[in-house]
């Protein structure tokens, strides 16, 4: 007996679903949304929660917001602050178009944004001498692409609770807009960014409406059993 059908099944790498953290050496997909971390001081954390991120004036990748998917790396920043005053923010990053910077004197090390890229990505252990730790790092040019979603680490529970309360008051409930209506795609069941509905189309085989972010679709009407 043979069985034939139409459809697909894929494994999601997090590029289309927020709050997913990539492995340290896994390449970020263009236009993906990923969970990362940003290390800062307690005072700066309060300013970020009140006013949003601002570009750093300089750095090994030029201007931008520096983040890492490695929480241990973020926990070492700011370098000139005592460990008792450091905070690690959990952030959601819309990476946009990504440029890999993996060697010293890379021709786009400081000019990646002027060449049309939104994020510069330094893979772990790539040999870039400026990254002595060898840990993964990213620089996002537009601060609006980086959103604080939680406190990953704080110097003490009092500071952590204070900052988390600020986030809770400022943010709508997960999966909801300011009006309390859930922004969830009816087909793939993933949350959507406000103003950015998922693309939907008809299956070329069975004609059923599908979302391009669905991880699995099987054309039930196309099952055929052969003796």
N, C-alpha and C. Protein backbone atom coordinates (compact mmCIF):
# COMPACT_ATOMS: atom_id res chain seq x y z
N UNK A 1 0.86 -1.19 0.00
CA UNK A 1 0.00 0.00 0.00
C UNK A 1 0.89 1.23 0.00
N UNK A 2 0.60 2.18 -0.86
CA UNK A 2 1.35 3.45 -0.89
C UNK A 2 0.41 4.58 -0.49
N UNK A 3 0.97 5.61 0.05
CA UNK A 3 0.17 6.74 0.55
C UNK A 3 0.77 8.02 0.02
N UNK A 4 -0.03 8.85 -0.59
CA UNK A 4 0.49 10.12 -1.12
C UNK A 4 -0.34 11.27 -0.57
N UNK A 5 0.33 12.40 -0.34
CA UNK A 5 -0.36 13.58 0.16
C UNK A 5 0.46 14.82 -0.18
N UNK A 6 -0.15 15.99 -0.02
CA UNK A 6 0.53 17.26 -0.24
C UNK A 6 0.62 18.00 1.07
N UNK A 7 1.70 18.78 1.25
CA UNK A 7 1.85 19.56 2.47
C UNK A 7 3.31 19.77 2.80
N UNK A 8 3.56 20.23 4.02
CA UNK A 8 4.93 20.43 4.46
C UNK A 8 4.99 20.42 5.98
N UNK A 9 6.19 20.25 6.48
CA UNK A 9 6.45 20.40 7.91
C UNK A 9 7.87 20.93 8.06
N UNK A 10 8.03 21.97 8.89
CA UNK A 10 9.34 22.59 9.07
C UNK A 10 9.63 22.72 10.57
N UNK A 11 10.90 22.95 10.88
CA UNK A 11 11.32 23.24 12.25
C UNK A 11 11.64 24.71 12.33
N UNK A 12 11.01 25.42 13.25
CA UNK A 12 11.19 26.86 13.38
C UNK A 12 12.49 27.18 14.12
N UNK A 13 13.29 28.10 13.57
CA UNK A 13 14.54 28.49 14.22
C UNK A 13 14.38 29.75 15.04
N UNK A 14 13.14 30.24 15.16
CA UNK A 14 12.90 31.44 15.94
C UNK A 14 12.87 32.70 15.12
N UNK A 15 13.24 32.62 13.84
CA UNK A 15 13.28 33.82 13.02
C UNK A 15 11.93 34.46 12.82
N UNK A 16 10.86 33.69 12.92
CA UNK A 16 9.53 34.24 12.70
C UNK A 16 8.71 34.28 13.98
N UNK A 17 9.31 33.92 15.08
CA UNK A 17 8.57 33.86 16.34
C UNK A 17 9.38 34.53 17.44
N UNK A 18 8.84 35.59 18.07
CA UNK A 18 9.59 36.27 19.11
C UNK A 18 9.78 35.41 20.35
N UNK A 19 10.72 35.85 21.21
CA UNK A 19 11.00 35.17 22.47
C UNK A 19 11.68 33.83 22.28
N UNK A 20 12.32 33.61 21.13
CA UNK A 20 13.10 32.40 20.92
C UNK A 20 14.57 32.80 20.88
N UNK A 21 15.40 32.09 21.62
CA UNK A 21 16.81 32.42 21.66
C UNK A 21 17.61 31.43 20.83
N UNK A 22 18.42 31.94 19.93
CA UNK A 22 19.24 31.10 19.08
C UNK A 22 20.41 30.52 19.87
N UNK A 23 20.96 29.42 19.36
CA UNK A 23 22.21 28.91 19.91
C UNK A 23 23.30 29.94 19.61
N UNK A 24 24.41 29.88 20.36
CA UNK A 24 25.40 30.94 20.27
C UNK A 24 26.01 31.12 18.88
N UNK A 25 26.15 30.03 18.12
CA UNK A 25 26.76 30.14 16.80
C UNK A 25 25.76 30.07 15.65
N UNK A 26 24.47 30.02 15.97
CA UNK A 26 23.44 29.91 14.95
C UNK A 26 23.24 31.26 14.26
N UNK A 27 23.27 31.27 12.96
CA UNK A 27 23.17 32.51 12.20
C UNK A 27 21.76 33.09 12.30
N UNK A 28 21.64 34.38 12.63
CA UNK A 28 20.31 35.00 12.66
C UNK A 28 19.79 35.22 11.25
N UNK A 29 18.53 34.94 11.03
CA UNK A 29 17.93 35.15 9.73
C UNK A 29 17.55 36.61 9.54
N UNK A 30 17.67 37.11 8.33
CA UNK A 30 17.22 38.46 8.03
C UNK A 30 15.75 38.60 8.41
N UNK A 31 15.42 39.73 9.03
CA UNK A 31 14.06 40.07 9.44
C UNK A 31 13.55 39.17 10.58
N UNK A 32 14.44 38.45 11.24
CA UNK A 32 14.04 37.62 12.37
C UNK A 32 13.81 38.46 13.62
N UNK A 33 13.13 37.86 14.59
CA UNK A 33 12.88 38.50 15.89
C UNK A 33 13.44 37.57 16.96
N UNK A 34 14.42 38.07 17.72
CA UNK A 34 15.14 37.19 18.64
C UNK A 34 15.24 37.77 20.04
N UNK A 35 15.36 36.88 21.01
CA UNK A 35 15.61 37.27 22.39
C UNK A 35 17.11 37.42 22.61
N UNK A 36 17.52 38.57 23.16
CA UNK A 36 18.93 38.81 23.45
C UNK A 36 19.02 39.54 24.79
N UNK A 37 20.24 39.98 25.14
CA UNK A 37 20.46 40.61 26.43
C UNK A 37 21.34 41.85 26.29
N UNK A 38 21.09 42.82 27.17
CA UNK A 38 21.86 44.06 27.17
C UNK A 38 22.29 44.37 28.60
N UNK A 39 23.59 44.53 28.81
CA UNK A 39 24.11 44.85 30.13
C UNK A 39 24.24 46.35 30.33
N UNK A 40 23.82 46.84 31.48
CA UNK A 40 23.88 48.27 31.76
C UNK A 40 23.92 48.48 33.27
N UNK A 41 23.98 49.74 33.68
CA UNK A 41 23.96 50.06 35.12
C UNK A 41 22.52 50.23 35.58
N UNK A 42 22.32 50.26 36.88
CA UNK A 42 20.97 50.42 37.42
C UNK A 42 20.36 51.75 36.98
N UNK A 43 21.16 52.82 37.04
CA UNK A 43 20.66 54.15 36.65
C UNK A 43 20.31 54.18 35.17
N UNK A 44 21.17 53.60 34.34
CA UNK A 44 20.90 53.59 32.90
C UNK A 44 19.70 52.72 32.56
N UNK A 45 19.52 51.64 33.32
CA UNK A 45 18.36 50.77 33.10
C UNK A 45 17.07 51.55 33.31
N UNK A 46 17.04 52.39 34.33
CA UNK A 46 15.85 53.21 34.59
C UNK A 46 15.60 54.19 33.45
N UNK A 47 16.67 54.78 32.93
CA UNK A 47 16.54 55.72 31.81
C UNK A 47 16.06 55.00 30.55
N UNK A 48 16.56 53.79 30.32
CA UNK A 48 16.14 53.02 29.14
C UNK A 48 14.66 52.68 29.23
N UNK A 49 14.21 52.27 30.41
CA UNK A 49 12.80 51.92 30.58
C UNK A 49 11.90 53.14 30.43
N UNK A 50 12.42 54.32 30.80
CA UNK A 50 11.62 55.54 30.70
C UNK A 50 11.61 56.13 29.30
N UNK A 51 12.76 56.06 28.60
CA UNK A 51 12.90 56.77 27.34
C UNK A 51 13.29 55.91 26.15
N UNK A 52 13.54 54.64 26.37
CA UNK A 52 13.97 53.78 25.28
C UNK A 52 15.48 53.80 25.12
N UNK A 53 15.98 52.92 24.26
CA UNK A 53 17.42 52.85 24.02
C UNK A 53 17.90 54.04 23.19
N UNK A 54 19.18 54.36 23.35
CA UNK A 54 19.85 55.36 22.52
C UNK A 54 21.11 54.72 21.94
N UNK A 55 21.51 55.20 20.77
CA UNK A 55 22.73 54.68 20.16
C UNK A 55 23.95 55.00 21.01
N UNK A 56 24.86 54.06 21.09
CA UNK A 56 26.16 54.38 21.68
C UNK A 56 26.90 55.23 20.65
N UNK A 57 27.73 56.12 21.12
CA UNK A 57 28.42 57.03 20.19
C UNK A 57 29.54 56.34 19.43
N UNK A 58 30.04 55.23 19.97
CA UNK A 58 31.13 54.51 19.30
C UNK A 58 31.17 53.08 19.81
N UNK A 59 32.07 52.29 19.25
CA UNK A 59 32.22 50.89 19.63
C UNK A 59 32.95 50.16 18.54
N UNK A 60 33.21 48.88 18.74
CA UNK A 60 33.99 48.14 17.75
C UNK A 60 33.24 47.96 16.43
N UNK A 61 31.91 48.17 16.46
CA UNK A 61 31.10 48.08 15.24
C UNK A 61 30.46 49.42 14.90
N UNK A 62 30.91 50.48 15.55
CA UNK A 62 30.36 51.81 15.29
C UNK A 62 29.14 52.11 16.14
N UNK A 63 28.31 53.03 15.68
CA UNK A 63 27.13 53.45 16.43
C UNK A 63 26.06 52.36 16.45
N UNK A 64 25.30 52.32 17.56
CA UNK A 64 24.21 51.37 17.64
C UNK A 64 23.95 50.94 19.07
N UNK A 65 23.04 50.00 19.22
CA UNK A 65 22.73 49.39 20.52
C UNK A 65 23.40 48.02 20.54
N UNK A 66 24.28 47.81 21.51
CA UNK A 66 25.03 46.55 21.58
C UNK A 66 24.28 45.54 22.47
N UNK A 67 24.06 44.36 21.91
CA UNK A 67 23.36 43.28 22.61
C UNK A 67 24.07 41.97 22.34
N UNK A 68 23.70 40.95 23.11
CA UNK A 68 24.26 39.62 22.90
C UNK A 68 23.21 38.59 23.27
N UNK A 69 23.23 37.46 22.60
CA UNK A 69 22.34 36.36 22.99
C UNK A 69 22.93 35.58 24.15
N UNK A 70 24.17 35.94 24.54
CA UNK A 70 24.85 35.31 25.66
C UNK A 70 24.68 36.17 26.92
N UNK A 71 23.88 35.71 27.86
CA UNK A 71 23.60 36.48 29.07
C UNK A 71 24.86 36.70 29.90
N UNK A 72 25.78 35.74 29.88
CA UNK A 72 27.02 35.88 30.64
C UNK A 72 27.86 37.04 30.11
N UNK A 73 27.86 37.22 28.80
CA UNK A 73 28.61 38.34 28.23
C UNK A 73 27.98 39.66 28.65
N UNK A 74 26.65 39.76 28.55
CA UNK A 74 25.95 40.99 28.91
C UNK A 74 26.18 41.34 30.38
N UNK A 75 26.34 40.32 31.22
CA UNK A 75 26.49 40.53 32.66
C UNK A 75 27.81 41.21 33.02
N UNK A 76 28.75 41.30 32.08
CA UNK A 76 30.04 41.94 32.34
C UNK A 76 30.04 43.44 32.00
N UNK A 77 28.89 43.94 31.59
CA UNK A 77 28.80 45.36 31.19
C UNK A 77 27.89 46.13 32.15
N UNK A 78 28.16 47.46 32.28
CA UNK A 78 29.27 48.24 31.72
C UNK A 78 30.60 47.84 32.38
N UNK A 79 31.66 47.88 31.60
CA UNK A 79 32.96 47.44 32.08
C UNK A 79 33.47 48.27 33.25
N UNK A 80 33.09 49.56 33.26
CA UNK A 80 33.59 50.46 34.31
C UNK A 80 32.67 50.55 35.51
N UNK A 81 31.65 49.68 35.56
CA UNK A 81 30.72 49.67 36.71
C UNK A 81 31.00 48.48 37.61
N UNK A 82 30.83 48.64 38.91
CA UNK A 82 31.01 47.49 39.82
C UNK A 82 29.91 46.47 39.57
N UNK A 83 30.21 45.22 39.84
CA UNK A 83 29.23 44.16 39.60
C UNK A 83 27.96 44.36 40.41
N UNK A 84 28.06 45.09 41.53
CA UNK A 84 26.90 45.33 42.38
C UNK A 84 25.94 46.35 41.79
N UNK A 85 26.33 46.98 40.68
CA UNK A 85 25.47 48.00 40.07
C UNK A 85 25.06 47.62 38.65
N UNK A 86 25.29 46.38 38.27
CA UNK A 86 24.98 45.96 36.90
C UNK A 86 23.60 45.32 36.80
N UNK A 87 22.96 45.58 35.67
CA UNK A 87 21.64 45.01 35.38
C UNK A 87 21.69 44.41 33.98
N UNK A 88 21.10 43.25 33.80
CA UNK A 88 20.99 42.64 32.47
C UNK A 88 19.54 42.69 32.03
N UNK A 89 19.29 43.42 30.97
CA UNK A 89 17.94 43.53 30.42
C UNK A 89 17.70 42.44 29.38
N UNK A 90 16.57 41.80 29.48
CA UNK A 90 16.15 40.85 28.45
C UNK A 90 15.43 41.65 27.37
N UNK A 91 15.87 41.52 26.12
CA UNK A 91 15.31 42.36 25.06
C UNK A 91 14.84 41.53 23.87
N UNK A 92 13.90 42.08 23.17
CA UNK A 92 13.40 41.49 21.92
C UNK A 92 13.96 42.34 20.78
N UNK A 93 14.67 41.69 19.87
CA UNK A 93 15.37 42.41 18.81
C UNK A 93 14.83 42.03 17.43
N UNK A 94 14.41 43.03 16.68
CA UNK A 94 14.04 42.83 15.27
C UNK A 94 15.29 43.15 14.46
N UNK A 95 16.01 42.12 14.04
CA UNK A 95 17.34 42.33 13.48
C UNK A 95 17.36 42.95 12.10
N UNK A 96 16.27 42.84 11.35
CA UNK A 96 16.27 43.38 10.00
C UNK A 96 17.27 42.65 9.12
N UNK A 97 18.02 43.40 8.34
CA UNK A 97 19.03 42.81 7.46
C UNK A 97 20.36 42.71 8.23
N UNK A 98 20.95 41.52 8.24
CA UNK A 98 22.11 41.25 9.09
C UNK A 98 23.39 41.08 8.28
N UNK A 99 24.46 41.72 8.77
CA UNK A 99 25.79 41.57 8.16
C UNK A 99 26.72 40.86 9.13
N UNK A 100 27.36 39.82 8.70
CA UNK A 100 28.31 39.07 9.51
C UNK A 100 29.68 39.77 9.48
N UNK A 101 30.20 40.08 10.66
CA UNK A 101 31.52 40.68 10.79
C UNK A 101 32.38 39.68 11.56
N UNK A 102 33.30 39.02 10.89
CA UNK A 102 33.98 37.88 11.51
C UNK A 102 35.50 37.91 11.39
N UNK A 103 36.08 39.09 11.12
CA UNK A 103 37.54 39.17 11.06
C UNK A 103 37.99 40.60 11.31
N UNK A 104 39.24 40.74 11.73
CA UNK A 104 39.80 42.07 11.95
C UNK A 104 39.87 42.83 10.63
N UNK A 105 39.66 44.14 10.72
CA UNK A 105 39.72 45.01 9.54
C UNK A 105 38.73 44.60 8.45
N UNK A 106 37.58 44.09 8.89
CA UNK A 106 36.52 43.76 7.92
C UNK A 106 36.14 45.04 7.18
N UNK A 107 35.99 44.98 5.84
CA UNK A 107 35.70 46.20 5.08
C UNK A 107 34.41 46.92 5.49
N UNK A 108 33.48 46.22 6.16
CA UNK A 108 32.24 46.85 6.59
C UNK A 108 32.13 46.94 8.11
N UNK A 109 33.23 46.82 8.82
CA UNK A 109 33.18 46.81 10.28
C UNK A 109 32.49 48.05 10.85
N UNK A 110 32.69 49.20 10.21
CA UNK A 110 32.08 50.44 10.69
C UNK A 110 31.06 51.02 9.70
N UNK A 111 30.93 50.40 8.54
CA UNK A 111 30.08 50.98 7.49
C UNK A 111 28.92 50.07 7.08
N UNK A 112 28.65 49.02 7.88
CA UNK A 112 27.60 48.08 7.51
C UNK A 112 26.25 48.75 7.35
N UNK A 113 25.94 49.74 8.19
CA UNK A 113 24.63 50.38 8.07
C UNK A 113 24.52 51.22 6.80
N UNK A 114 25.58 51.91 6.43
CA UNK A 114 25.54 52.72 5.20
C UNK A 114 25.48 51.84 3.97
N UNK A 115 25.75 50.55 4.14
CA UNK A 115 25.64 49.60 3.03
C UNK A 115 24.32 48.84 3.05
N UNK A 116 23.37 49.32 3.84
CA UNK A 116 22.02 48.76 3.80
C UNK A 116 21.69 47.71 4.84
N UNK A 117 22.54 47.55 5.85
CA UNK A 117 22.28 46.54 6.88
C UNK A 117 21.76 47.20 8.16
N UNK A 118 20.92 46.46 8.90
CA UNK A 118 20.33 46.96 10.14
C UNK A 118 21.08 46.49 11.37
N UNK A 119 21.71 45.33 11.27
CA UNK A 119 22.40 44.72 12.41
C UNK A 119 23.73 44.14 11.96
N UNK A 120 24.76 44.33 12.78
CA UNK A 120 26.05 43.67 12.55
C UNK A 120 26.17 42.54 13.56
N UNK A 121 26.58 41.36 13.10
CA UNK A 121 26.66 40.18 13.95
C UNK A 121 28.08 39.65 14.00
N UNK A 122 28.62 39.53 15.21
CA UNK A 122 29.94 38.93 15.42
C UNK A 122 29.74 37.54 15.99
N UNK A 123 30.04 36.48 15.21
CA UNK A 123 29.86 35.11 15.70
C UNK A 123 30.84 34.82 16.84
N UNK A 124 30.55 33.81 17.65
CA UNK A 124 31.48 33.46 18.74
C UNK A 124 32.77 32.85 18.19
N UNK A 125 33.85 33.12 18.88
CA UNK A 125 35.16 32.52 18.57
C UNK A 125 35.55 32.67 17.10
N UNK A 126 35.27 33.85 16.54
CA UNK A 126 35.59 34.07 15.13
C UNK A 126 37.00 34.64 14.94
N UNK A 127 37.67 34.98 16.03
CA UNK A 127 39.03 35.47 15.92
C UNK A 127 39.16 36.98 15.90
N UNK A 128 38.04 37.70 16.06
CA UNK A 128 38.10 39.16 16.10
C UNK A 128 38.80 39.57 17.39
N UNK A 129 39.94 40.24 17.27
CA UNK A 129 40.76 40.52 18.46
C UNK A 129 40.08 41.47 19.43
N UNK A 130 39.16 42.30 18.95
CA UNK A 130 38.45 43.24 19.83
C UNK A 130 37.52 42.52 20.79
N UNK A 131 37.13 41.28 20.46
CA UNK A 131 36.25 40.49 21.32
C UNK A 131 37.11 39.46 22.04
N UNK A 132 37.73 39.88 23.12
CA UNK A 132 38.66 39.01 23.83
C UNK A 132 37.97 37.80 24.46
N UNK A 133 36.70 37.96 24.81
CA UNK A 133 35.97 36.85 25.43
C UNK A 133 35.62 35.76 24.42
N UNK A 134 35.58 36.13 23.15
CA UNK A 134 35.19 35.17 22.11
C UNK A 134 33.71 34.89 22.07
N UNK A 135 32.93 35.68 22.82
CA UNK A 135 31.48 35.45 22.88
C UNK A 135 30.75 36.26 21.81
N UNK A 136 29.59 35.78 21.44
CA UNK A 136 28.76 36.38 20.39
C UNK A 136 28.33 37.79 20.75
N UNK A 137 28.23 38.66 19.74
CA UNK A 137 27.82 40.04 19.98
C UNK A 137 27.11 40.59 18.75
N UNK A 138 26.19 41.53 18.98
CA UNK A 138 25.43 42.16 17.90
C UNK A 138 25.37 43.66 18.14
N UNK A 139 25.29 44.41 17.05
CA UNK A 139 25.08 45.86 17.14
C UNK A 139 23.90 46.21 16.25
N UNK A 140 22.87 46.80 16.84
CA UNK A 140 21.64 47.15 16.11
C UNK A 140 21.64 48.66 15.93
N UNK A 141 21.58 49.12 14.69
CA UNK A 141 21.73 50.55 14.42
C UNK A 141 20.56 51.37 14.95
N UNK A 142 19.34 50.94 14.70
CA UNK A 142 18.15 51.70 15.10
C UNK A 142 17.66 51.24 16.47
N UNK A 143 17.72 52.10 17.49
CA UNK A 143 17.29 51.72 18.84
C UNK A 143 15.84 51.23 18.91
N UNK A 144 15.01 51.66 17.97
CA UNK A 144 13.60 51.27 17.97
C UNK A 144 13.42 49.78 17.67
N UNK A 145 14.47 49.15 17.18
CA UNK A 145 14.40 47.71 16.91
C UNK A 145 14.64 46.86 18.16
N UNK A 146 14.97 47.51 19.26
CA UNK A 146 15.29 46.79 20.50
C UNK A 146 14.27 47.16 21.57
N UNK A 147 13.56 46.18 22.10
CA UNK A 147 12.51 46.40 23.10
C UNK A 147 12.79 45.60 24.36
N UNK A 148 12.74 46.26 25.50
CA UNK A 148 12.93 45.56 26.77
C UNK A 148 11.68 44.75 27.10
N UNK A 149 11.87 43.48 27.44
CA UNK A 149 10.73 42.62 27.78
C UNK A 149 10.86 42.02 29.18
N UNK A 150 12.02 42.22 29.82
CA UNK A 150 12.17 41.66 31.16
C UNK A 150 13.52 42.01 31.76
N UNK A 151 13.68 41.62 33.01
CA UNK A 151 14.95 41.81 33.72
C UNK A 151 15.56 40.43 33.92
N UNK A 152 16.67 40.17 33.24
CA UNK A 152 17.31 38.86 33.33
C UNK A 152 18.16 38.73 34.58
N UNK A 153 18.72 39.86 35.04
CA UNK A 153 19.58 39.82 36.21
C UNK A 153 19.70 41.22 36.79
N UNK A 154 19.71 41.33 38.12
CA UNK A 154 19.90 42.61 38.79
C UNK A 154 20.79 42.39 40.00
N UNK A 155 21.31 43.50 40.54
CA UNK A 155 22.24 43.40 41.67
C UNK A 155 21.58 42.85 42.92
N UNK A 156 20.27 43.08 43.07
CA UNK A 156 19.54 42.53 44.21
C UNK A 156 18.06 42.44 43.87
N UNK A 157 17.31 41.75 44.70
CA UNK A 157 15.89 41.52 44.40
C UNK A 157 15.07 42.80 44.45
N UNK A 158 15.49 43.78 45.24
CA UNK A 158 14.75 45.04 45.32
C UNK A 158 14.80 45.78 43.99
N UNK A 159 16.01 45.87 43.42
CA UNK A 159 16.17 46.54 42.12
C UNK A 159 15.44 45.76 41.03
N UNK A 160 15.56 44.45 41.05
CA UNK A 160 14.90 43.63 40.04
C UNK A 160 13.38 43.82 40.09
N UNK A 161 12.82 43.82 41.27
CA UNK A 161 11.38 43.98 41.42
C UNK A 161 10.94 45.37 40.96
N UNK A 162 11.70 46.39 41.33
CA UNK A 162 11.38 47.76 40.93
C UNK A 162 11.35 47.91 39.41
N UNK A 163 12.39 47.40 38.74
CA UNK A 163 12.47 47.53 37.28
C UNK A 163 11.41 46.69 36.58
N UNK A 164 11.15 45.51 37.11
CA UNK A 164 10.14 44.65 36.50
C UNK A 164 8.74 45.28 36.60
N UNK A 165 8.48 45.97 37.69
CA UNK A 165 7.19 46.64 37.85
C UNK A 165 7.03 47.75 36.83
N UNK A 166 8.12 48.45 36.54
CA UNK A 166 8.07 49.51 35.52
C UNK A 166 7.72 48.91 34.15
N UNK A 167 8.33 47.78 33.85
CA UNK A 167 8.04 47.11 32.57
C UNK A 167 6.58 46.66 32.52
N UNK A 168 6.10 46.08 33.61
CA UNK A 168 4.73 45.57 33.65
C UNK A 168 3.70 46.68 33.48
N UNK A 169 3.97 47.85 34.06
CA UNK A 169 3.04 48.97 33.95
C UNK A 169 3.06 49.60 32.56
N UNK A 170 4.23 49.58 31.93
CA UNK A 170 4.37 50.24 30.64
C UNK A 170 3.92 49.36 29.47
N UNK A 171 3.94 48.04 29.66
CA UNK A 171 3.65 47.12 28.56
C UNK A 171 2.24 46.56 28.67
N UNK A 172 1.55 46.41 27.49
CA UNK A 172 0.26 45.73 27.50
C UNK A 172 0.47 44.26 27.76
N UNK A 173 -0.58 43.56 28.11
CA UNK A 173 -0.49 42.13 28.37
C UNK A 173 0.04 41.41 27.14
N UNK A 174 0.76 40.33 27.37
CA UNK A 174 1.35 39.58 26.28
C UNK A 174 0.28 39.19 25.26
N UNK A 175 0.62 39.45 23.98
CA UNK A 175 -0.31 39.06 22.92
C UNK A 175 -1.46 40.00 22.75
N UNK A 176 -1.42 41.20 23.41
CA UNK A 176 -2.53 42.12 23.31
C UNK A 176 -2.02 43.50 22.90
N UNK A 177 -2.89 44.25 22.27
CA UNK A 177 -2.58 45.62 21.95
C UNK A 177 -3.09 46.50 23.07
N UNK A 178 -2.93 47.81 22.91
CA UNK A 178 -3.36 48.71 23.95
C UNK A 178 -4.85 48.68 24.20
N UNK A 179 -5.62 48.20 23.21
CA UNK A 179 -7.07 48.15 23.38
C UNK A 179 -7.52 46.85 24.02
N UNK A 180 -6.56 45.97 24.38
CA UNK A 180 -6.91 44.71 25.02
C UNK A 180 -7.25 43.60 24.05
N UNK A 181 -7.22 43.89 22.73
CA UNK A 181 -7.53 42.87 21.74
C UNK A 181 -6.28 42.09 21.40
N UNK A 182 -6.37 40.78 21.40
CA UNK A 182 -5.21 39.94 21.13
C UNK A 182 -4.79 40.06 19.68
N UNK A 183 -3.49 40.16 19.44
CA UNK A 183 -2.95 40.17 18.09
C UNK A 183 -2.33 38.81 17.84
N UNK A 184 -3.17 37.86 17.47
CA UNK A 184 -2.73 36.50 17.22
C UNK A 184 -3.26 36.07 15.86
N UNK A 185 -2.38 35.54 15.03
CA UNK A 185 -2.80 35.07 13.71
C UNK A 185 -3.73 33.87 13.89
N UNK A 186 -4.89 33.93 13.26
CA UNK A 186 -5.89 32.87 13.41
C UNK A 186 -5.46 31.56 12.77
N UNK A 187 -4.50 31.62 11.85
CA UNK A 187 -4.08 30.42 11.13
C UNK A 187 -2.86 29.75 11.75
N UNK A 188 -1.80 30.52 12.02
CA UNK A 188 -0.59 29.91 12.57
C UNK A 188 -0.52 29.98 14.09
N UNK A 189 -1.41 30.78 14.70
CA UNK A 189 -1.51 30.91 16.16
C UNK A 189 -0.30 31.60 16.79
N UNK A 190 0.49 32.30 15.98
CA UNK A 190 1.62 33.05 16.52
C UNK A 190 1.19 34.49 16.74
N UNK A 191 1.80 35.14 17.74
CA UNK A 191 1.51 36.55 17.95
C UNK A 191 2.11 37.36 16.81
N UNK A 192 1.48 38.48 16.49
CA UNK A 192 1.94 39.32 15.40
C UNK A 192 2.33 40.69 15.94
N UNK A 193 3.24 41.36 15.24
CA UNK A 193 3.56 42.73 15.59
C UNK A 193 2.41 43.61 15.15
N UNK A 194 2.06 44.61 15.97
CA UNK A 194 0.97 45.51 15.60
C UNK A 194 1.31 46.20 14.29
N UNK A 195 0.36 46.23 13.38
CA UNK A 195 0.57 46.87 12.09
C UNK A 195 1.30 45.99 11.10
N UNK A 196 1.62 44.77 11.48
CA UNK A 196 2.35 43.87 10.59
C UNK A 196 1.67 42.51 10.54
N UNK A 197 0.47 42.43 9.93
CA UNK A 197 -0.24 41.15 9.87
C UNK A 197 0.53 40.14 9.03
N UNK A 198 0.34 38.85 9.32
CA UNK A 198 1.01 37.80 8.57
C UNK A 198 0.44 37.69 7.17
N UNK A 199 1.28 37.28 6.24
CA UNK A 199 0.86 37.10 4.85
C UNK A 199 0.11 35.78 4.72
N UNK A 200 -1.06 35.83 4.11
CA UNK A 200 -1.88 34.64 3.94
C UNK A 200 -2.10 34.39 2.45
N UNK A 201 -2.24 33.13 2.08
CA UNK A 201 -2.48 32.77 0.69
C UNK A 201 -3.20 31.43 0.65
N UNK A 202 -3.62 31.04 -0.54
CA UNK A 202 -4.30 29.75 -0.69
C UNK A 202 -3.30 28.67 -1.06
N UNK A 203 -3.48 27.49 -0.46
CA UNK A 203 -2.64 26.35 -0.80
C UNK A 203 -2.81 26.02 -2.27
N UNK A 204 -1.70 25.79 -2.99
CA UNK A 204 -1.76 25.51 -4.42
C UNK A 204 -2.39 24.17 -4.75
N UNK A 205 -2.55 23.31 -3.72
CA UNK A 205 -3.09 21.99 -3.97
C UNK A 205 -4.55 21.88 -3.56
N UNK A 206 -4.86 22.23 -2.29
CA UNK A 206 -6.23 22.03 -1.80
C UNK A 206 -7.05 23.31 -1.76
N UNK A 207 -6.39 24.46 -1.93
CA UNK A 207 -7.12 25.73 -1.95
C UNK A 207 -7.43 26.30 -0.59
N UNK A 208 -6.99 25.64 0.48
CA UNK A 208 -7.27 26.12 1.83
C UNK A 208 -6.41 27.33 2.16
N UNK A 209 -6.99 28.29 2.91
CA UNK A 209 -6.22 29.45 3.34
C UNK A 209 -5.12 29.02 4.31
N UNK A 210 -3.89 29.48 4.08
CA UNK A 210 -2.77 29.15 4.94
C UNK A 210 -1.97 30.42 5.22
N UNK A 211 -1.26 30.40 6.33
CA UNK A 211 -0.34 31.49 6.68
C UNK A 211 1.07 31.03 6.35
N UNK A 212 1.90 31.91 5.80
CA UNK A 212 3.24 31.50 5.39
C UNK A 212 4.13 31.13 6.57
N UNK A 213 3.69 31.45 7.81
CA UNK A 213 4.47 31.11 8.99
C UNK A 213 4.00 29.83 9.68
N UNK A 214 3.00 29.17 9.08
CA UNK A 214 2.56 27.89 9.64
C UNK A 214 3.69 26.87 9.56
N UNK A 215 3.93 26.14 10.64
CA UNK A 215 5.01 25.16 10.64
C UNK A 215 4.61 23.85 9.97
N UNK A 216 3.31 23.64 9.80
CA UNK A 216 2.86 22.39 9.20
C UNK A 216 1.53 22.59 8.50
N UNK A 217 1.38 21.99 7.31
CA UNK A 217 0.10 22.00 6.59
C UNK A 217 0.00 20.71 5.79
N UNK A 218 -1.10 20.00 5.96
CA UNK A 218 -1.35 18.78 5.20
C UNK A 218 -2.70 18.93 4.51
N UNK A 219 -2.74 18.64 3.23
CA UNK A 219 -3.99 18.74 2.47
C UNK A 219 -4.81 17.48 2.73
N UNK A 220 -5.74 17.58 3.67
CA UNK A 220 -6.52 16.41 4.05
C UNK A 220 -7.30 15.83 2.90
N UNK A 221 -7.81 16.72 2.03
CA UNK A 221 -8.63 16.26 0.91
C UNK A 221 -7.81 15.53 -0.15
N UNK A 222 -6.47 15.65 -0.06
CA UNK A 222 -5.61 15.07 -1.08
C UNK A 222 -5.07 13.68 -0.69
N UNK A 223 -5.45 13.20 0.53
CA UNK A 223 -4.98 11.86 0.92
C UNK A 223 -5.49 10.84 -0.10
N UNK A 224 -4.60 10.01 -0.55
CA UNK A 224 -5.03 8.96 -1.49
C UNK A 224 -4.34 7.65 -1.08
N UNK A 225 -5.13 6.61 -0.95
CA UNK A 225 -4.60 5.31 -0.53
C UNK A 225 -4.66 4.38 -1.72
N UNK A 226 -3.47 3.84 -2.07
CA UNK A 226 -3.40 2.93 -3.21
C UNK A 226 -3.15 1.50 -2.71
N UNK A 227 -3.92 0.55 -3.24
CA UNK A 227 -3.73 -0.87 -2.87
C UNK A 227 -2.54 -1.45 -3.63
